[in-house]
Amino acid sequence: MEFAVVAPTAVDLNEAVKTASGPDGHGDRAPLQGAVAHIAESALDAAGGPDVLVGYSAKLETWVPEKESAADGPDRTDRANAAAMLAAFAEGDGGHFAPLLTGIGRPGR
């Protein structure tokens, strides 16, 4: 089930960055990463900056295990990706988002 809400820019930006740079292992994402870097560079300040982007991402990733635990058929891949994102954020450098954040002239978290 999908739903739509009015949300901060950082929430949508997070989804774009996660799709381009997250741990899910989709094939060659270099072209996508370039496009997302361009979008992020133009939207990051309005979204609140790198700390807000990473903060929203961490918050959303902590929701995944709870949501999947309550599901009749939990998505183990989704849970594994959320755990990988959170573990990478714990390193303190922006996790999977670090290359993008550094690449657009912003330090990782």
N, C-alpha and C. Protein backbone atom coordinates (compact mmCIF):
# COMPACT_ATOMS: atom_id res chain seq x y z
N MET A 1 0.84 -1.16 0.00
CA MET A 1 0.00 0.00 0.00
C MET A 1 0.89 1.23 0.00
N GLU A 2 0.57 2.17 -0.84
CA GLU A 2 1.27 3.45 -0.89
C GLU A 2 0.32 4.53 -0.41
N PHE A 3 0.89 5.61 0.07
CA PHE A 3 0.08 6.73 0.49
C PHE A 3 0.83 8.01 0.20
N ALA A 4 0.11 9.11 0.15
CA ALA A 4 0.73 10.40 -0.11
C ALA A 4 0.44 11.33 1.06
N VAL A 5 1.44 12.11 1.40
CA VAL A 5 1.30 13.09 2.47
C VAL A 5 2.08 14.33 2.08
N VAL A 6 1.74 15.43 2.71
CA VAL A 6 2.56 16.63 2.59
C VAL A 6 3.69 16.45 3.59
N ALA A 7 4.92 16.47 3.09
CA ALA A 7 6.07 16.18 3.96
C ALA A 7 7.21 17.14 3.62
N PRO A 8 8.16 17.23 4.52
CA PRO A 8 9.33 18.08 4.24
C PRO A 8 10.10 17.59 3.01
N THR A 9 10.74 18.52 2.34
CA THR A 9 11.54 18.20 1.15
C THR A 9 12.55 17.10 1.43
N ALA A 10 13.12 17.08 2.63
CA ALA A 10 14.15 16.09 2.97
C ALA A 10 13.63 14.66 2.86
N VAL A 11 12.34 14.45 3.08
CA VAL A 11 11.78 13.10 2.99
C VAL A 11 11.84 12.60 1.54
N ASP A 12 11.42 13.45 0.60
CA ASP A 12 11.48 13.06 -0.81
C ASP A 12 12.93 12.97 -1.29
N LEU A 13 13.76 13.91 -0.87
CA LEU A 13 15.16 13.88 -1.25
C LEU A 13 15.83 12.61 -0.73
N ASN A 14 15.47 12.20 0.48
CA ASN A 14 16.00 10.97 1.04
C ASN A 14 15.70 9.78 0.13
N GLU A 15 14.48 9.68 -0.36
CA GLU A 15 14.12 8.54 -1.21
C GLU A 15 14.94 8.53 -2.49
N ALA A 16 15.15 9.71 -3.08
CA ALA A 16 15.96 9.79 -4.30
C ALA A 16 17.41 9.38 -4.02
N VAL A 17 17.98 9.91 -2.94
CA VAL A 17 19.37 9.61 -2.60
C VAL A 17 19.51 8.14 -2.23
N LYS A 18 18.56 7.61 -1.48
CA LYS A 18 18.60 6.20 -1.08
C LYS A 18 18.52 5.28 -2.31
N THR A 19 17.69 5.63 -3.27
CA THR A 19 17.58 4.84 -4.49
C THR A 19 18.90 4.85 -5.26
N ALA A 20 19.57 5.98 -5.27
CA ALA A 20 20.83 6.10 -6.02
C ALA A 20 22.04 5.56 -5.26
N SER A 21 22.01 5.63 -3.92
CA SER A 21 23.22 5.33 -3.16
C SER A 21 23.05 4.30 -2.05
N GLY A 22 21.84 3.80 -1.86
CA GLY A 22 21.58 2.89 -0.75
C GLY A 22 22.20 1.52 -0.94
N PRO A 23 22.05 0.67 0.06
CA PRO A 23 22.70 -0.64 0.06
C PRO A 23 21.98 -1.74 -0.71
N ASP A 24 20.93 -1.43 -1.43
CA ASP A 24 20.10 -2.49 -2.00
C ASP A 24 20.73 -3.22 -3.18
N GLY A 25 21.86 -2.77 -3.68
CA GLY A 25 22.61 -3.52 -4.67
C GLY A 25 22.04 -3.58 -6.07
N HIS A 26 21.21 -2.62 -6.46
CA HIS A 26 20.74 -2.59 -7.84
C HIS A 26 21.93 -2.32 -8.75
N GLY A 27 22.06 -3.01 -9.85
CA GLY A 27 23.12 -2.89 -10.85
C GLY A 27 23.90 -1.58 -10.88
N ASP A 28 24.28 -1.17 -12.04
CA ASP A 28 25.08 0.04 -12.22
C ASP A 28 24.19 1.26 -12.03
N ARG A 29 24.43 1.99 -10.96
CA ARG A 29 23.61 3.17 -10.67
C ARG A 29 24.35 4.47 -10.93
N ALA A 30 25.51 4.41 -11.58
CA ALA A 30 26.31 5.62 -11.82
C ALA A 30 25.50 6.71 -12.53
N PRO A 31 24.77 6.41 -13.60
CA PRO A 31 23.99 7.47 -14.25
C PRO A 31 22.94 8.07 -13.31
N LEU A 32 22.29 7.22 -12.54
CA LEU A 32 21.29 7.69 -11.59
C LEU A 32 21.94 8.55 -10.51
N GLN A 33 23.11 8.14 -10.04
CA GLN A 33 23.80 8.89 -9.00
C GLN A 33 24.14 10.30 -9.48
N GLY A 34 24.53 10.45 -10.73
CA GLY A 34 24.82 11.77 -11.27
C GLY A 34 23.59 12.66 -11.29
N ALA A 35 22.47 12.09 -11.72
CA ALA A 35 21.22 12.87 -11.76
C ALA A 35 20.77 13.25 -10.36
N VAL A 36 20.84 12.30 -9.43
CA VAL A 36 20.43 12.57 -8.05
C VAL A 36 21.37 13.58 -7.40
N ALA A 37 22.66 13.51 -7.70
CA ALA A 37 23.60 14.50 -7.16
C ALA A 37 23.22 15.90 -7.61
N HIS A 38 22.81 16.03 -8.86
CA HIS A 38 22.38 17.33 -9.38
C HIS A 38 21.13 17.82 -8.64
N ILE A 39 20.18 16.93 -8.45
CA ILE A 39 18.96 17.28 -7.73
C ILE A 39 19.29 17.65 -6.28
N ALA A 40 20.11 16.83 -5.64
CA ALA A 40 20.46 17.07 -4.24
C ALA A 40 21.20 18.40 -4.08
N GLU A 41 22.09 18.69 -5.00
CA GLU A 41 22.84 19.94 -4.90
C GLU A 41 21.91 21.15 -4.95
N SER A 42 20.87 21.07 -5.77
CA SER A 42 19.95 22.19 -5.89
C SER A 42 18.92 22.23 -4.77
N ALA A 43 18.65 21.09 -4.12
CA ALA A 43 17.57 21.03 -3.12
C ALA A 43 18.05 20.88 -1.68
N LEU A 44 19.32 20.57 -1.47
CA LEU A 44 19.79 20.23 -0.13
C LEU A 44 19.64 21.37 0.87
N ASP A 45 19.98 22.59 0.48
CA ASP A 45 19.84 23.71 1.42
C ASP A 45 18.38 23.93 1.80
N ALA A 46 17.48 23.87 0.81
CA ALA A 46 16.04 24.05 1.10
C ALA A 46 15.50 22.91 1.96
N ALA A 47 16.14 21.74 1.85
CA ALA A 47 15.71 20.57 2.63
C ALA A 47 16.24 20.61 4.06
N GLY A 48 17.10 21.55 4.36
CA GLY A 48 17.63 21.69 5.71
C GLY A 48 19.09 21.31 5.86
N GLY A 49 19.71 20.89 4.77
CA GLY A 49 21.13 20.55 4.80
C GLY A 49 21.37 19.07 5.04
N PRO A 50 22.64 18.67 5.02
CA PRO A 50 22.98 17.26 5.13
C PRO A 50 22.53 16.61 6.43
N ASP A 51 22.61 17.33 7.55
CA ASP A 51 22.21 16.72 8.83
C ASP A 51 20.72 16.40 8.86
N VAL A 52 19.92 17.27 8.28
CA VAL A 52 18.47 17.01 8.24
C VAL A 52 18.18 15.83 7.31
N LEU A 53 18.84 15.79 6.17
CA LEU A 53 18.65 14.67 5.24
C LEU A 53 18.99 13.35 5.91
N VAL A 54 20.15 13.28 6.53
CA VAL A 54 20.57 12.04 7.21
C VAL A 54 19.65 11.74 8.39
N GLY A 55 19.22 12.77 9.10
CA GLY A 55 18.31 12.57 10.23
C GLY A 55 16.98 11.96 9.81
N TYR A 56 16.40 12.50 8.75
CA TYR A 56 15.14 11.92 8.26
C TYR A 56 15.36 10.49 7.78
N SER A 57 16.46 10.26 7.10
CA SER A 57 16.72 8.91 6.62
C SER A 57 16.84 7.93 7.77
N ALA A 58 17.61 8.30 8.79
CA ALA A 58 17.77 7.40 9.95
C ALA A 58 16.43 7.16 10.62
N LYS A 59 15.62 8.21 10.74
CA LYS A 59 14.31 8.06 11.37
C LYS A 59 13.43 7.09 10.56
N LEU A 60 13.43 7.26 9.24
CA LEU A 60 12.61 6.39 8.39
C LEU A 60 13.12 4.95 8.41
N GLU A 61 14.44 4.78 8.45
CA GLU A 61 15.00 3.41 8.47
C GLU A 61 14.71 2.71 9.79
N THR A 62 14.60 3.43 10.89
CA THR A 62 14.25 2.78 12.17
C THR A 62 12.79 2.33 12.17
N TRP A 63 12.00 2.88 11.30
CA TRP A 63 10.59 2.51 11.21
C TRP A 63 10.43 1.18 10.48
N VAL A 64 11.35 0.84 9.58
CA VAL A 64 11.23 -0.37 8.75
C VAL A 64 11.13 -1.65 9.59
N PRO A 65 12.04 -1.88 10.54
CA PRO A 65 11.92 -3.14 11.31
C PRO A 65 10.60 -3.25 12.06
N GLU A 66 10.12 -2.15 12.59
CA GLU A 66 8.82 -2.17 13.29
C GLU A 66 7.70 -2.52 12.32
N LYS A 67 7.70 -1.87 11.17
CA LYS A 67 6.66 -2.12 10.16
C LYS A 67 6.73 -3.56 9.66
N GLU A 68 7.93 -4.03 9.38
CA GLU A 68 8.08 -5.38 8.85
C GLU A 68 7.79 -6.45 9.91
N SER A 69 8.09 -6.17 11.15
CA SER A 69 7.79 -7.13 12.23
C SER A 69 6.30 -7.33 12.40
N ALA A 70 5.52 -6.30 12.11
CA ALA A 70 4.07 -6.38 12.26
C ALA A 70 3.39 -6.96 11.01
N ALA A 71 4.13 -7.09 9.92
CA ALA A 71 3.54 -7.58 8.67
C ALA A 71 3.35 -9.09 8.71
N ASP A 72 2.34 -9.55 7.98
CA ASP A 72 2.09 -10.99 7.88
C ASP A 72 3.25 -11.70 7.18
N GLY A 73 3.79 -11.07 6.17
CA GLY A 73 4.93 -11.64 5.44
C GLY A 73 6.04 -10.61 5.38
N PRO A 74 6.88 -10.54 6.41
CA PRO A 74 7.90 -9.50 6.44
C PRO A 74 8.86 -9.59 5.25
N ASP A 75 9.26 -8.44 4.79
CA ASP A 75 10.21 -8.33 3.68
C ASP A 75 11.62 -8.33 4.27
N ARG A 76 12.26 -9.48 4.23
CA ARG A 76 13.59 -9.61 4.84
C ARG A 76 14.63 -8.74 4.14
N THR A 77 14.48 -8.54 2.85
CA THR A 77 15.42 -7.68 2.11
C THR A 77 15.28 -6.24 2.58
N ASP A 78 14.05 -5.78 2.75
CA ASP A 78 13.82 -4.42 3.24
C ASP A 78 14.43 -4.24 4.63
N ARG A 79 14.25 -5.25 5.48
CA ARG A 79 14.82 -5.20 6.83
C ARG A 79 16.33 -5.19 6.78
N ALA A 80 16.93 -6.00 5.92
CA ALA A 80 18.39 -6.05 5.79
C ALA A 80 18.94 -4.73 5.27
N ASN A 81 18.24 -4.14 4.30
CA ASN A 81 18.68 -2.84 3.77
C ASN A 81 18.59 -1.76 4.83
N ALA A 82 17.53 -1.77 5.62
CA ALA A 82 17.39 -0.78 6.70
C ALA A 82 18.50 -0.95 7.72
N ALA A 83 18.81 -2.19 8.08
CA ALA A 83 19.89 -2.44 9.04
C ALA A 83 21.23 -1.97 8.48
N ALA A 84 21.46 -2.20 7.19
CA ALA A 84 22.71 -1.75 6.57
C ALA A 84 22.80 -0.23 6.54
N MET A 85 21.68 0.44 6.24
CA MET A 85 21.66 1.90 6.25
C MET A 85 21.98 2.43 7.64
N LEU A 86 21.32 1.88 8.66
CA LEU A 86 21.54 2.35 10.03
C LEU A 86 22.96 2.07 10.50
N ALA A 87 23.49 0.91 10.18
CA ALA A 87 24.87 0.59 10.58
C ALA A 87 25.84 1.55 9.91
N ALA A 88 25.60 1.88 8.66
CA ALA A 88 26.49 2.81 7.96
C ALA A 88 26.38 4.22 8.54
N PHE A 89 25.17 4.65 8.91
CA PHE A 89 25.01 5.96 9.54
C PHE A 89 25.73 6.03 10.87
N ALA A 90 25.80 4.90 11.58
CA ALA A 90 26.46 4.86 12.88
C ALA A 90 27.95 5.16 12.78
N GLU A 91 28.51 5.01 11.59
CA GLU A 91 29.93 5.33 11.39
C GLU A 91 30.19 6.83 11.51
N GLY A 92 29.13 7.65 11.37
CA GLY A 92 29.24 9.09 11.57
C GLY A 92 29.73 9.89 10.39
N ASP A 93 29.84 9.27 9.22
CA ASP A 93 30.35 10.01 8.06
C ASP A 93 29.29 10.22 6.97
N GLY A 94 28.05 9.93 7.28
CA GLY A 94 26.99 10.05 6.29
C GLY A 94 26.59 8.72 5.68
N GLY A 95 27.25 7.65 6.10
CA GLY A 95 26.88 6.32 5.64
C GLY A 95 26.89 6.20 4.12
N HIS A 96 25.87 5.57 3.58
CA HIS A 96 25.76 5.38 2.14
C HIS A 96 25.58 6.71 1.42
N PHE A 97 25.21 7.77 2.15
CA PHE A 97 25.02 9.08 1.53
C PHE A 97 26.32 9.86 1.44
N ALA A 98 27.37 9.42 2.13
CA ALA A 98 28.63 10.17 2.19
C ALA A 98 29.21 10.51 0.81
N PRO A 99 29.29 9.55 -0.13
CA PRO A 99 29.87 9.92 -1.42
C PRO A 99 29.09 11.04 -2.12
N LEU A 100 27.77 10.99 -2.03
CA LEU A 100 26.98 12.03 -2.66
C LEU A 100 27.18 13.37 -1.94
N LEU A 101 27.12 13.35 -0.61
CA LEU A 101 27.25 14.60 0.14
C LEU A 101 28.62 15.22 -0.06
N THR A 102 29.66 14.40 -0.09
CA THR A 102 31.00 14.90 -0.32
C THR A 102 31.15 15.36 -1.76
N GLY A 103 30.53 14.62 -2.67
CA GLY A 103 30.62 14.94 -4.09
C GLY A 103 29.99 16.25 -4.48
N ILE A 104 29.04 16.73 -3.69
CA ILE A 104 28.42 18.02 -4.01
C ILE A 104 28.99 19.13 -3.15
N GLY A 105 30.16 18.87 -2.58
CA GLY A 105 30.84 19.91 -1.84
C GLY A 105 30.37 20.07 -0.41
N ARG A 106 29.67 19.09 0.11
CA ARG A 106 29.23 19.13 1.49
C ARG A 106 29.92 18.00 2.23
N PRO A 107 30.34 18.22 3.43
CA PRO A 107 30.93 17.11 4.17
C PRO A 107 29.86 16.09 4.50
N GLY A 108 30.27 14.84 4.63
CA GLY A 108 29.34 13.84 5.15
C GLY A 108 28.95 14.23 6.56
N ARG A 109 28.02 13.63 7.12
CA ARG A 109 27.48 13.98 8.43
C ARG A 109 28.51 14.27 9.45
